[in-house]
C-alpha atoms as a PDB file:
ATOM      1  CA  MET A   1      -0.127  -0.187  -0.405  1.00  0.00           C
ATOM      2  CA  LYS A   2       1.649   3.426  -1.265  1.00  0.00           C
ATOM      3  CA  LEU A   3       1.543   5.502   2.117  1.00  0.00           C
ATOM      4  CA  GLU A   4      -0.634   8.639  -0.036  1.00  0.00           C
ATOM      5  CA  LEU A   5      -3.524   6.565   0.153  1.00  0.00           C
ATOM      6  CA  VAL A   6      -2.721   5.213   4.060  1.00  0.00           C
ATOM      7  CA  LEU A   7      -2.532   9.207   4.536  1.00  0.00           C
ATOM      8  CA  GLN A   8      -5.692   9.895   2.814  1.00  0.00           C
ATOM      9  CA  THR A   9      -7.948   6.924   4.270  1.00  0.00           C
ATOM     10  CA  LYS A  10      -5.726   7.839   8.057  1.00  0.00           C
ATOM     11  CA  GLY A  11      -5.282  11.054   7.676  1.00  0.00           C
ATOM     12  CA  ASP A  12      -1.801  12.787   8.108  1.00  0.00           C
ATOM     13  CA  GLY A  13      -2.753  14.204  12.303  1.00  0.00           C
ATOM     14  CA  VAL A  14      -0.585  12.387  14.980  1.00  0.00           C
ATOM     15  CA  GLU A  15      -1.392  12.493  17.956  1.00  0.00           C
ATOM     16  CA  THR A  16       1.247  13.312  21.594  1.00  0.00           C
ATOM     17  CA  ILE A  17       1.478  12.278  24.820  1.00  0.00           C
ATOM     18  CA  ARG A  18       3.068  14.760  27.033  1.00  0.00           C
ATOM     19  CA  PRO A  19       6.662  12.809  28.617  1.00  0.00           C
ATOM     20  CA  ASP A  20       4.742  13.789  31.972  1.00  0.00           C
ATOM     21  CA  ALA A  21       1.204  12.668  31.513  1.00  0.00           C
ATOM     22  CA  THR A  22       1.161   9.079  34.003  1.00  0.00           C
ATOM     23  CA  VAL A  23       1.516   5.284  32.040  1.00  0.00           C
ATOM     24  CA  GLY A  24      -2.293   4.866  33.046  1.00  0.00           C
ATOM     25  CA  GLU A  25      -3.406   8.059  30.875  1.00  0.00           C
ATOM     26  CA  LEU A  26      -1.476   6.802  27.525  1.00  0.00           C
ATOM     27  CA  ALA A  27      -3.225   3.148  28.520  1.00  0.00           C
ATOM     28  CA  LYS A  28      -6.425   5.010  28.509  1.00  0.00           C
ATOM     29  CA  ARG A  29      -5.533   7.349  25.454  1.00  0.00           C
ATOM     30  CA  LEU A  30      -4.776   4.802  23.883  1.00  0.00           C
ATOM     31  CA  THR A  31      -7.933   2.509  24.347  1.00  0.00           C
ATOM     32  CA  GLU A  32      -9.957   5.629  23.138  1.00  0.00           C
ATOM     33  CA  MET A  33      -8.954   5.677  20.757  1.00  0.00           C
ATOM     34  CA  LYS A  34      -8.482   2.102  19.542  1.00  0.00           C
ATOM     35  CA  ILE A  35      -4.487   2.497  18.280  1.00  0.00           C
ATOM     36  CA  GLY A  36      -1.231   1.569  19.483  1.00  0.00           C
ATOM     37  CA  ALA A  37       1.330   4.020  19.961  1.00  0.00           C
ATOM     38  CA  LEU A  38       1.845   7.479  20.547  1.00  0.00           C
ATOM     39  CA  VAL A  39       4.221  10.167  20.124  1.00  0.00           C
ATOM     40  CA  VAL A  40       6.050  11.529  22.782  1.00  0.00           C
ATOM     41  CA  SER A  41       6.152  15.561  22.833  1.00  0.00           C
ATOM     42  CA  PHE A  42       5.824  18.126  25.471  1.00  0.00           C
ATOM     43  CA  ASP A  43       4.626  20.894  22.517  1.00  0.00           C
ATOM     44  CA  GLY A  44       2.493  18.221  19.809  1.00  0.00           C
ATOM     45  CA  ARG A  45       5.792  19.452  17.835  1.00  0.00           C
ATOM     46  CA  ASN A  46       9.679  18.255  18.879  1.00  0.00           C
ATOM     47  CA  VAL A  47       9.427  14.611  19.172  1.00  0.00           C
ATOM     48  CA  ALA A  48      10.938  12.752  22.489  1.00  0.00           C
ATOM     49  CA  GLY A  49      10.170   9.483  21.265  1.00  0.00           C
ATOM     50  CA  ILE A  50       7.730   7.335  20.939  1.00  0.00           C
ATOM     51  CA  VAL A  51       5.288   4.984  23.114  1.00  0.00           C
ATOM     52  CA  SER A  52       2.862   2.100  22.740  1.00  0.00           C
ATOM     53  CA  GLU A  53       0.908  -0.914  24.081  1.00  0.00           C
ATOM     54  CA  ARG A  54       4.048  -3.261  23.796  1.00  0.00           C
ATOM     55  CA  ASP A  55       6.369  -0.667  26.309  1.00  0.00           C
ATOM     56  CA  ILE A  56       3.476  -1.100  28.322  1.00  0.00           C
ATOM     57  CA  VAL A  57       2.932  -4.118  29.075  1.00  0.00           C
ATOM     58  CA  LYS A  58       6.789  -4.854  28.930  1.00  0.00           C
ATOM     59  CA  ASN A  59       7.408  -3.237  31.869  1.00  0.00           C
ATOM     60  CA  ILE A  60       4.306  -4.117  33.585  1.00  0.00           C
ATOM     61  CA  ALA A  61       5.932  -7.509  33.358  1.00  0.00           C
ATOM     62  CA  ARG A  62       9.168  -6.081  35.038  1.00  0.00           C
ATOM     63  CA  TYR A  63       8.196  -3.864  37.434  1.00  0.00           C
ATOM     64  CA  GLY A  64       4.608  -4.537  38.609  1.00  0.00           C
ATOM     65  CA  ALA A  65       0.938  -2.612  38.109  1.00  0.00           C
ATOM     66  CA  ASP A  66       2.901   0.576  40.081  1.00  0.00           C
ATOM     67  CA  VAL A  67       4.162   1.321  36.434  1.00  0.00           C
ATOM     68  CA  LEU A  68       1.100   2.962  35.676  1.00  0.00           C
ATOM     69  CA  ASN A  69       1.822   5.222  38.564  1.00  0.00           C
ATOM     70  CA  GLU A  70       4.698   6.395  36.799  1.00  0.00           C
ATOM     71  CA  GLN A  71       5.074   8.662  33.812  1.00  0.00           C
ATOM     72  CA  VAL A  72       5.691   8.348  30.442  1.00  0.00           C
ATOM     73  CA  SER A  73       9.042   9.346  30.557  1.00  0.00           C
ATOM     74  CA  THR A  74      10.522   6.534  32.374  1.00  0.00           C
ATOM     75  CA  ILE A  75       9.278   4.458  29.178  1.00  0.00           C
ATOM     76  CA  ILE A  76       9.851   6.009  26.436  1.00  0.00           C
ATOM     77  CA  ARG A  77      11.887   3.902  24.043  1.00  0.00           C
ATOM     78  CA  GLY A  78      15.539   4.074  24.241  1.00  0.00           C
ATOM     79  CA  LEU A  79      16.351   6.793  27.262  1.00  0.00           C
ATOM     80  CA  GLY A  80      12.767   5.905  29.975  1.00  0.00           C
ATOM     81  CA  ARG A  81      13.872   2.007  30.431  1.00  0.00           C
ATOM     82  CA  ASP A  82      17.237   2.450  31.563  1.00  0.00           C
ATOM     83  CA  ARG A  83      16.411   5.596  33.467  1.00  0.00           C
ATOM     84  CA  HIS A  84      13.907   3.764  34.755  1.00  0.00           C
ATOM     85  CA  ALA A  85      15.529   0.088  35.936  1.00  0.00           C
ATOM     86  CA  ARG A  86      18.786   2.630  37.743  1.00  0.00           C
ATOM     87  CA  ARG A  87      15.638   4.174  39.788  1.00  0.00           C
ATOM     88  CA  VAL A  88      14.046   0.879  41.021  1.00  0.00           C
ATOM     89  CA  ALA A  89      16.259  -1.058  40.707  1.00  0.00           C
END
């Protein structure tokens, strides 16, 4: 499928979440919007990272349900996971 067709169908908008939102808020938004990932951004224009349902599940499996009360910034792919592991350990 060509990107042009995807954009016509899905639109060109990008959904974001702030890094200081909780992981629980992230899970709720993903569920409500029926999507699998959100771009992490303070201002909706500059990208700090991306976070997905899979990131939530992996972190709950590793650290427990308390992760849902943590900030999204603690589970951002390639950045937060290491920081979170050091803080929890």
